[in-house]
Amino acid sequence: MLEAESEKCVFKYDRRLFDIEKQMNLLRYLNPVNAGKEKKKFLRAYSEGKSYDPVFEYESCGPEVRAFCRELKKIKEKLELCNTSIFAPFCIKKINYLLHFHALLAHRGSFEFGSELSAFYGIPSKSLLKGAWKNLRELKHEEIEESLSPEDIRGIFETELKLLGLDWEVRPANGGGVKIAVNAACNEIHIDFSASFSKAAIKGYLCHEIGTHVFRAENGKFQPLMIFRSGLPGYMETEEGLAVYNEARNGVLKPENLKKYSARVVAASVCNEASFSEVVNELTGYFVPEEAFTFALRVKRGLENTSLPGGYTKDSAYLSGFQKISDFLQKQSSRQEALKVFYCGKIGLEHFELTKDLLAEGILKQPRYLSETNLSSSAFL
């Protein structure tokens, strides 16, 4: 199938498309460079009974990003001529995503930016939001001592990666309200060096970040197209859903974790009509102000003036993806075989049948790393 004449054009541009996406790294422009400073201002005002909406600053897209966009448009024109290709539409959709996202960032200072960002990523469904509110009200949230430093976590991740024989770099990162993040294109795991961590959460971090994000990227490297490494368009909800599913399978999806994922859904919904401080106020009945700030930061990142409505609503994907993956796998005759398909690379539910067929035909390679691959986190507990 992939050797056919119709796929030659995709092979011609697949690697270049991967390199452009890697070098653009557009998501970095969503993380404020002054988040720590604004957090102190917010919490000081909150303690005094005052309302304050942070004003965030960001790294600007340079001329090289605009040059990449021009190149993407040219590649898109070529791919649009591949009328019989199976994978050209996926590549075109990915290009459209990158171009649209860059266009959004180009006018982040506008009043409409937050709402447009919300529309781009979508808002939680009514049923998802209803379940999230139910979780907030009913699930207990225990305060867990966070005695581990970022350097401790860095050492644990580096040891784990070495034991697995994986050549990934663990680097410090700041901003965005994300403690740990994976950059699959660069083989990097980023740790927020302004955060602290708990021993009880180690296995969850490893299942989520390495057992899902790293493993799917690693398996994607060995497929004939790089898009299986960077992610087929629309893969993200499945990606985060699988990560939460793996936490549940390994017995580390604690009530407090599920409550946090639910809070992200509520924040992603509320932010569409609320300011930063109003998002925090919605959550302080369930979390301490510092945690509520983090939820608001995650959905309001990208905005300069956080008093405006809208935000980065991708955070609802953790809970929605978890529900969809759980339902899908429950209906499969073999959960193990279904997971093998998902672990061929960074694919979404919508790509499952195509990936399954390609795997059966021997066009895609069997995944080397599966969710069952042993992680040695018990050594650190």
Protein backbone atom coordinates (compact mmCIF):
# COMPACT_ATOMS: atom_id res chain seq x y z
CA MET A 1 0.00 0.00 0.00
CA LEU A 2 2.70 2.50 1.00
CA GLU A 3 4.92 1.37 -1.85
CA ALA A 4 2.30 2.43 -4.39
CA GLU A 5 2.97 5.28 -6.78
CA SER A 6 0.33 7.38 -5.05
CA GLU A 7 2.36 7.51 -1.80
CA LYS A 8 5.65 8.65 -3.34
CA CYS A 9 4.74 12.29 -2.88
CA VAL A 10 4.09 11.71 0.83
CA PHE A 11 7.46 10.03 1.31
CA LYS A 12 9.08 12.97 -0.46
CA TYR A 13 7.77 15.52 2.06
CA ASP A 14 7.18 13.45 5.22
CA ARG A 15 10.64 13.96 6.72
CA ARG A 16 10.72 17.66 5.88
CA LEU A 17 7.29 18.16 7.43
CA PHE A 18 8.52 16.49 10.62
CA ASP A 19 11.63 18.69 10.73
CA ILE A 20 9.62 21.87 10.23
CA GLU A 21 7.15 20.99 12.97
CA LYS A 22 10.05 20.15 15.29
CA GLN A 23 11.86 23.43 14.63
CA MET A 24 8.72 25.56 14.85
CA ASN A 25 7.78 24.05 18.24
CA LEU A 26 4.77 26.33 18.39
CA LEU A 27 3.50 25.20 21.79
CA ARG A 28 6.44 26.90 23.48
CA TYR A 29 4.85 30.23 22.58
CA LEU A 30 1.92 29.38 24.85
CA ASN A 31 3.97 29.29 28.04
CA PRO A 32 4.36 32.68 29.76
CA VAL A 33 7.91 33.65 30.64
CA ASN A 34 6.78 35.56 33.75
CA ALA A 35 4.40 32.98 35.24
CA GLY A 36 6.30 32.80 38.55
CA LYS A 37 6.26 36.56 39.02
CA GLU A 38 2.56 36.82 38.20
CA LYS A 39 1.72 33.93 40.52
CA LYS A 40 3.23 35.84 43.44
CA LYS A 41 1.22 38.93 42.52
CA PHE A 42 -1.98 36.94 42.23
CA LEU A 43 -1.60 35.06 45.53
CA ARG A 44 -0.64 38.26 47.35
CA ALA A 45 -3.78 39.98 46.06
CA TYR A 46 -5.89 36.90 46.84
CA SER A 47 -4.64 36.82 50.44
CA GLU A 48 -5.67 40.47 50.77
CA GLY A 49 -9.15 39.75 49.44
CA LYS A 50 -8.46 41.53 46.17
CA SER A 51 -9.00 40.41 42.59
CA TYR A 52 -6.07 40.32 40.18
CA ASP A 53 -5.85 38.93 36.65
CA PRO A 54 -2.26 38.17 35.61
CA VAL A 55 -0.71 39.90 32.64
CA PHE A 56 1.48 37.37 30.89
CA GLU A 57 4.48 37.87 28.65
CA TYR A 58 5.64 35.47 25.95
CA GLU A 59 8.43 34.65 23.61
CA SER A 60 7.63 36.03 20.15
CA CYS A 61 7.65 34.01 16.95
CA GLY A 62 10.71 35.05 14.93
CA PRO A 63 11.09 35.48 11.16
CA GLU A 64 12.24 31.86 10.87
CA VAL A 65 8.76 30.69 11.92
CA ARG A 66 7.17 32.79 9.18
CA ALA A 67 9.64 31.28 6.71
CA PHE A 68 8.59 27.79 7.83
CA CYS A 69 4.95 28.75 7.26
CA ARG A 70 5.73 29.80 3.69
CA GLU A 71 7.45 26.48 3.11
CA LEU A 72 4.51 24.58 4.60
CA LYS A 73 2.17 26.28 2.16
CA LYS A 74 4.33 25.14 -0.76
CA ILE A 75 4.43 21.55 0.55
CA LYS A 76 0.66 21.66 0.98
CA GLU A 77 0.23 22.64 -2.68
CA LYS A 78 2.30 19.63 -3.72
CA LEU A 79 0.43 17.23 -1.46
CA GLU A 80 -2.93 18.45 -2.75
CA LEU A 81 -1.96 16.98 -6.13
CA CYS A 82 -1.66 13.50 -4.58
CA ASN A 83 -5.30 12.70 -5.20
CA THR A 84 -5.07 8.94 -4.59
CA SER A 85 -2.79 9.03 -1.57
CA ILE A 86 -3.99 7.63 1.74
CA PHE A 87 -1.65 9.71 3.87
CA ALA A 88 -1.56 13.02 1.97
CA PRO A 89 -4.84 14.18 3.60
CA PHE A 90 -3.34 13.56 7.05
CA CYS A 91 -0.26 15.60 6.17
CA ILE A 92 -2.41 18.41 4.75
CA LYS A 93 -4.54 18.45 7.89
CA LYS A 94 -1.40 18.70 10.03
CA ILE A 95 -0.12 21.58 7.91
CA ASN A 96 -3.46 23.38 8.25
CA TYR A 97 -3.22 22.95 12.03
CA LEU A 98 0.26 24.48 12.16
CA LEU A 99 -0.67 27.39 9.89
CA HIS A 100 -3.86 28.12 11.81
CA PHE A 101 -2.11 27.98 15.16
CA HIS A 102 0.61 30.35 13.96
CA ALA A 103 -2.04 32.72 12.62
CA LEU A 104 -3.70 32.74 16.04
CA LEU A 105 -0.43 33.57 17.80
CA ALA A 106 0.16 36.44 15.38
CA HIS A 107 -2.67 38.40 17.01
CA ARG A 108 -2.59 37.13 20.58
CA GLY A 109 -3.04 40.70 21.87
CA SER A 110 -6.49 41.05 20.35
CA PHE A 111 -9.74 40.87 22.33
CA GLU A 112 -10.87 37.85 20.29
CA PHE A 113 -7.72 35.75 20.77
CA GLY A 114 -8.89 33.79 23.83
CA SER A 115 -12.24 32.90 22.28
CA GLU A 116 -10.59 31.89 19.02
CA LEU A 117 -8.13 29.72 20.93
CA SER A 118 -11.05 28.03 22.71
CA ALA A 119 -12.84 27.46 19.41
CA PHE A 120 -9.65 26.01 17.93
CA TYR A 121 -9.33 23.34 20.65
CA GLY A 122 -13.03 22.97 21.41
CA ILE A 123 -15.02 23.17 24.63
CA PRO A 124 -16.04 20.26 26.88
CA SER A 125 -19.33 18.53 26.15
CA LYS A 126 -22.23 18.96 28.56
CA SER A 127 -22.04 15.33 29.65
CA LEU A 128 -18.29 15.53 30.28
CA LEU A 129 -18.72 18.73 32.27
CA LYS A 130 -21.55 17.23 34.32
CA GLY A 131 -19.36 14.26 35.26
CA ALA A 132 -16.44 16.55 36.07
CA TRP A 133 -18.53 18.64 38.46
CA LYS A 134 -19.79 15.44 40.10
CA ASN A 135 -16.19 14.31 40.64
CA LEU A 136 -15.26 17.65 42.17
CA ARG A 137 -18.10 17.44 44.65
CA GLU A 138 -17.73 13.77 45.59
CA LEU A 139 -14.05 12.82 45.34
CA LYS A 140 -11.81 13.41 48.30
CA HIS A 141 -8.67 15.43 47.82
CA GLU A 142 -5.91 14.55 50.23
CA GLU A 143 -2.97 16.87 50.66
CA ILE A 144 0.17 14.85 49.90
CA GLU A 145 3.59 15.93 51.00
CA GLU A 146 5.72 16.97 48.06
CA SER A 147 9.19 16.30 49.41
CA LEU A 148 10.98 15.56 46.13
CA SER A 149 12.83 18.26 44.26
CA PRO A 150 12.90 18.64 40.47
CA GLU A 151 16.46 17.27 40.56
CA ASP A 152 15.16 14.16 42.35
CA ILE A 153 12.56 13.63 39.62
CA ARG A 154 15.11 14.31 36.94
CA GLY A 155 17.36 11.60 38.36
CA ILE A 156 14.50 9.10 38.54
CA PHE A 157 13.50 9.74 34.92
CA GLU A 158 17.10 9.57 33.69
CA THR A 159 17.62 6.26 35.51
CA GLU A 160 14.39 4.83 34.09
CA LEU A 161 15.25 5.89 30.53
CA LYS A 162 18.74 4.40 30.86
CA LEU A 163 17.34 1.08 32.11
CA LEU A 164 15.02 1.01 29.08
CA GLY A 165 17.89 1.82 26.72
CA LEU A 166 16.19 5.00 25.51
CA ASP A 167 18.25 8.00 24.41
CA TRP A 168 16.14 10.85 25.75
CA GLU A 169 17.23 14.03 27.51
CA VAL A 170 15.57 15.32 30.68
CA ARG A 171 15.67 19.12 30.76
CA PRO A 172 14.43 21.88 33.06
CA ALA A 173 11.53 23.99 31.91
CA ASN A 174 9.41 26.71 33.46
CA GLY A 175 5.93 28.12 32.92
CA GLY A 176 2.58 26.92 31.70
CA GLY A 177 1.46 25.18 34.88
CA VAL A 178 2.77 21.82 33.60
CA LYS A 179 5.06 19.92 35.96
CA ILE A 180 6.29 17.38 33.40
CA ALA A 181 5.93 17.46 29.62
CA VAL A 182 7.24 15.39 26.72
CA ASN A 183 8.59 16.83 23.47
CA ALA A 184 8.52 13.73 21.27
CA ALA A 185 10.08 15.39 18.24
CA CYS A 186 13.19 16.35 20.20
CA ASN A 187 13.43 13.27 22.44
CA GLU A 188 13.08 15.48 25.49
CA ILE A 189 11.24 15.34 28.81
CA HIS A 190 10.79 18.75 30.41
CA ILE A 191 10.48 19.18 34.17
CA ASP A 192 9.29 22.37 35.82
CA PHE A 193 12.18 23.32 38.10
CA SER A 194 9.99 25.67 40.12
CA ALA A 195 7.76 22.78 41.24
CA SER A 196 7.96 20.13 43.94
CA PHE A 197 6.85 16.49 43.69
CA SER A 198 5.56 13.69 45.90
CA LYS A 199 6.98 10.18 46.22
CA ALA A 200 3.49 8.72 45.91
CA ALA A 201 3.11 10.22 42.42
CA ILE A 202 6.31 8.79 40.91
CA LYS A 203 4.76 5.68 39.39
CA GLY A 204 1.95 7.77 37.96
CA TYR A 205 4.42 10.17 36.33
CA LEU A 206 6.33 7.27 34.79
CA CYS A 207 3.21 5.47 33.52
CA HIS A 208 1.89 8.69 32.04
CA GLU A 209 5.01 10.26 30.55
CA ILE A 210 7.25 7.29 29.69
CA GLY A 211 4.73 4.43 29.54
CA THR A 212 2.54 6.39 27.13
CA HIS A 213 4.08 9.49 25.54
CA VAL A 214 7.66 8.24 25.22
CA PHE A 215 6.75 4.67 24.24
CA ARG A 216 4.33 5.73 21.50
CA ALA A 217 6.91 8.16 20.10
CA GLU A 218 9.64 5.52 20.20
CA ASN A 219 7.46 3.01 18.34
CA GLY A 220 6.57 5.71 15.83
CA LYS A 221 10.26 6.13 14.98
CA PHE A 222 10.35 2.69 13.42
CA GLN A 223 7.36 3.19 11.14
CA PRO A 224 7.81 4.11 7.46
CA LEU A 225 6.40 7.62 7.93
CA MET A 226 7.58 10.19 10.51
CA ILE A 227 4.01 11.34 11.09
CA PHE A 228 3.58 8.25 13.30
CA ARG A 229 6.24 9.76 15.57
CA SER A 230 5.03 13.36 15.63
CA GLY A 231 1.36 12.41 15.68
CA LEU A 232 -1.42 12.02 13.16
CA PRO A 233 -3.85 14.95 13.20
CA GLY A 234 -6.35 14.61 16.01
CA TYR A 235 -4.24 12.16 18.01
CA MET A 236 -3.95 14.27 21.16
CA GLU A 237 -7.20 13.31 22.91
CA THR A 238 -6.35 9.63 22.46
CA GLU A 239 -2.77 10.30 23.62
CA GLU A 240 -3.81 11.86 26.90
CA GLY A 241 -6.67 9.40 27.32
CA LEU A 242 -4.27 6.47 27.01
CA ALA A 243 -1.94 8.10 29.53
CA VAL A 244 -4.73 8.34 32.12
CA TYR A 245 -5.91 4.83 31.20
CA ASN A 246 -2.41 3.51 31.92
CA GLU A 247 -2.47 5.21 35.29
CA ALA A 248 -5.75 3.45 36.06
CA ARG A 249 -4.49 0.03 34.87
CA ASN A 250 -1.43 0.33 37.07
CA GLY A 251 -3.46 1.31 40.11
CA VAL A 252 -2.07 4.83 40.38
CA LEU A 253 -5.11 6.84 39.26
CA LYS A 254 -5.97 7.96 42.77
CA PRO A 255 -9.17 9.90 43.59
CA GLU A 256 -7.13 13.09 43.94
CA ASN A 257 -5.70 12.60 40.43
CA LEU A 258 -9.13 12.03 38.89
CA LYS A 259 -10.35 15.10 40.75
CA LYS A 260 -7.54 17.16 39.20
CA TYR A 261 -8.36 15.92 35.69
CA SER A 262 -11.98 16.88 36.39
CA ALA A 263 -10.91 20.33 37.55
CA ARG A 264 -9.17 20.82 34.21
CA VAL A 265 -12.47 20.12 32.42
CA VAL A 266 -14.30 22.62 34.61
CA ALA A 267 -11.59 25.23 34.05
CA ALA A 268 -11.69 24.60 30.28
CA SER A 269 -15.44 25.21 30.31
CA VAL A 270 -15.56 28.16 32.70
CA CYS A 271 -12.70 30.04 31.01
CA ASN A 272 -14.81 30.71 27.92
CA GLU A 273 -16.81 33.34 29.76
CA ALA A 274 -14.59 34.02 32.76
CA SER A 275 -11.45 35.88 33.67
CA PHE A 276 -8.43 34.21 35.29
CA SER A 277 -9.51 35.23 38.79
CA GLU A 278 -13.05 33.99 38.15
CA VAL A 279 -11.72 30.58 37.08
CA VAL A 280 -9.75 30.41 40.33
CA ASN A 281 -12.84 31.38 42.35
CA GLU A 282 -14.78 28.50 40.78
CA LEU A 283 -12.18 26.03 42.03
CA THR A 284 -11.12 27.34 45.43
CA GLY A 285 -14.04 25.49 47.04
CA TYR A 286 -12.29 22.25 46.07
CA PHE A 287 -8.58 23.14 46.06
CA VAL A 288 -6.20 25.44 47.88
CA PRO A 289 -5.55 28.76 46.08
CA GLU A 290 -2.11 27.65 44.80
CA GLU A 291 -3.61 24.63 43.03
CA ALA A 292 -6.56 26.61 41.73
CA PHE A 293 -4.07 29.10 40.30
CA THR A 294 -2.32 26.28 38.42
CA PHE A 295 -5.58 25.10 36.83
CA ALA A 296 -6.35 28.65 35.74
CA LEU A 297 -2.82 29.10 34.42
CA ARG A 298 -3.12 25.97 32.29
CA VAL A 299 -6.27 27.22 30.55
CA LYS A 300 -5.39 30.91 30.39
CA ARG A 301 -1.86 30.40 29.05
CA GLY A 302 -1.50 31.97 25.65
CA LEU A 303 -3.39 35.11 26.65
CA GLU A 304 -1.62 38.32 27.58
CA ASN A 305 -4.61 39.93 29.29
CA THR A 306 -6.14 37.09 31.31
CA SER A 307 -9.19 39.13 32.25
CA LEU A 308 -10.49 38.37 28.75
CA PRO A 309 -12.65 35.31 28.00
CA GLY A 310 -11.42 32.13 26.34
CA GLY A 311 -8.30 30.05 26.69
CA TYR A 312 -6.31 26.93 25.91
CA THR A 313 -9.06 24.35 26.39
CA LYS A 314 -7.02 21.29 25.38
CA ASP A 315 -6.96 20.29 29.07
CA SER A 316 -10.39 18.65 28.83
CA ALA A 317 -8.78 15.94 26.63
CA TYR A 318 -7.41 14.04 29.63
CA LEU A 319 -10.81 13.10 31.00
CA SER A 320 -12.68 12.91 27.68
CA GLY A 321 -9.90 10.80 26.15
CA PHE A 322 -9.83 8.50 29.18
CA GLN A 323 -13.56 7.87 28.89
CA LYS A 324 -13.43 7.24 25.15
CA ILE A 325 -10.41 4.91 25.34
CA SER A 326 -11.91 2.98 28.26
CA ASP A 327 -15.20 2.53 26.42
CA PHE A 328 -13.46 1.53 23.18
CA LEU A 329 -11.15 -1.04 24.77
CA GLN A 330 -13.98 -2.55 26.78
CA LYS A 331 -15.75 -3.41 23.51
CA GLN A 332 -12.71 -5.08 21.93
CA SER A 333 -12.42 -8.87 21.82
CA SER A 334 -8.76 -8.51 22.82
CA ARG A 335 -7.69 -5.45 24.77
CA GLN A 336 -4.06 -6.52 24.40
CA GLU A 337 -4.25 -6.64 20.60
CA ALA A 338 -6.07 -3.31 20.47
CA LEU A 339 -3.37 -1.69 22.60
CA LYS A 340 -0.72 -3.00 20.20
CA VAL A 341 -2.42 -1.03 17.45
CA PHE A 342 -2.50 2.14 19.54
CA TYR A 343 1.18 1.68 20.40
CA CYS A 344 2.32 1.61 16.76
CA GLY A 345 2.79 5.34 17.07
CA LYS A 346 0.93 8.50 17.93
CA ILE A 347 -2.45 7.71 16.41
CA GLY A 348 -5.98 8.62 17.45
CA LEU A 349 -9.14 6.56 17.75
CA GLU A 350 -10.14 7.70 14.28
CA HIS A 351 -6.98 6.11 12.83
CA PHE A 352 -7.39 2.77 14.61
CA GLU A 353 -8.89 0.70 11.76
CA LEU A 354 -6.41 2.01 9.16
CA THR A 355 -3.49 1.36 11.51
CA LYS A 356 -4.82 -2.10 12.32
CA ASP A 357 -5.00 -2.96 8.60
CA LEU A 358 -1.50 -1.62 7.91
CA LEU A 359 -0.15 -3.61 10.84
CA ALA A 360 -1.83 -6.80 9.62
CA GLU A 361 -0.37 -6.30 6.13
CA GLY A 362 3.12 -5.93 7.57
CA ILE A 363 3.42 -2.35 6.33
CA LEU A 364 3.65 -1.02 9.88
CA LYS A 365 6.05 -2.63 12.33
CA GLN A 366 4.97 -4.24 15.57
CA PRO A 367 5.50 -1.92 18.55
CA ARG A 368 8.67 -2.54 20.55
CA TYR A 369 7.38 -0.85 23.69
CA LEU A 370 3.93 -1.55 25.09
CA SER A 371 2.03 -0.24 28.07
CA GLU A 372 2.89 -3.54 29.81
CA THR A 373 6.63 -2.88 29.48
CA ASN A 374 8.01 -3.02 32.99
CA LEU A 375 8.89 0.25 34.64
CA SER A 376 11.16 0.02 37.66
CA SER A 377 9.53 2.82 39.60
CA SER A 378 9.14 0.57 42.65
CA ALA A 379 12.86 1.00 43.20
CA PHE A 380 12.27 4.67 43.98
CA LEU A 381 9.26 4.35 46.29
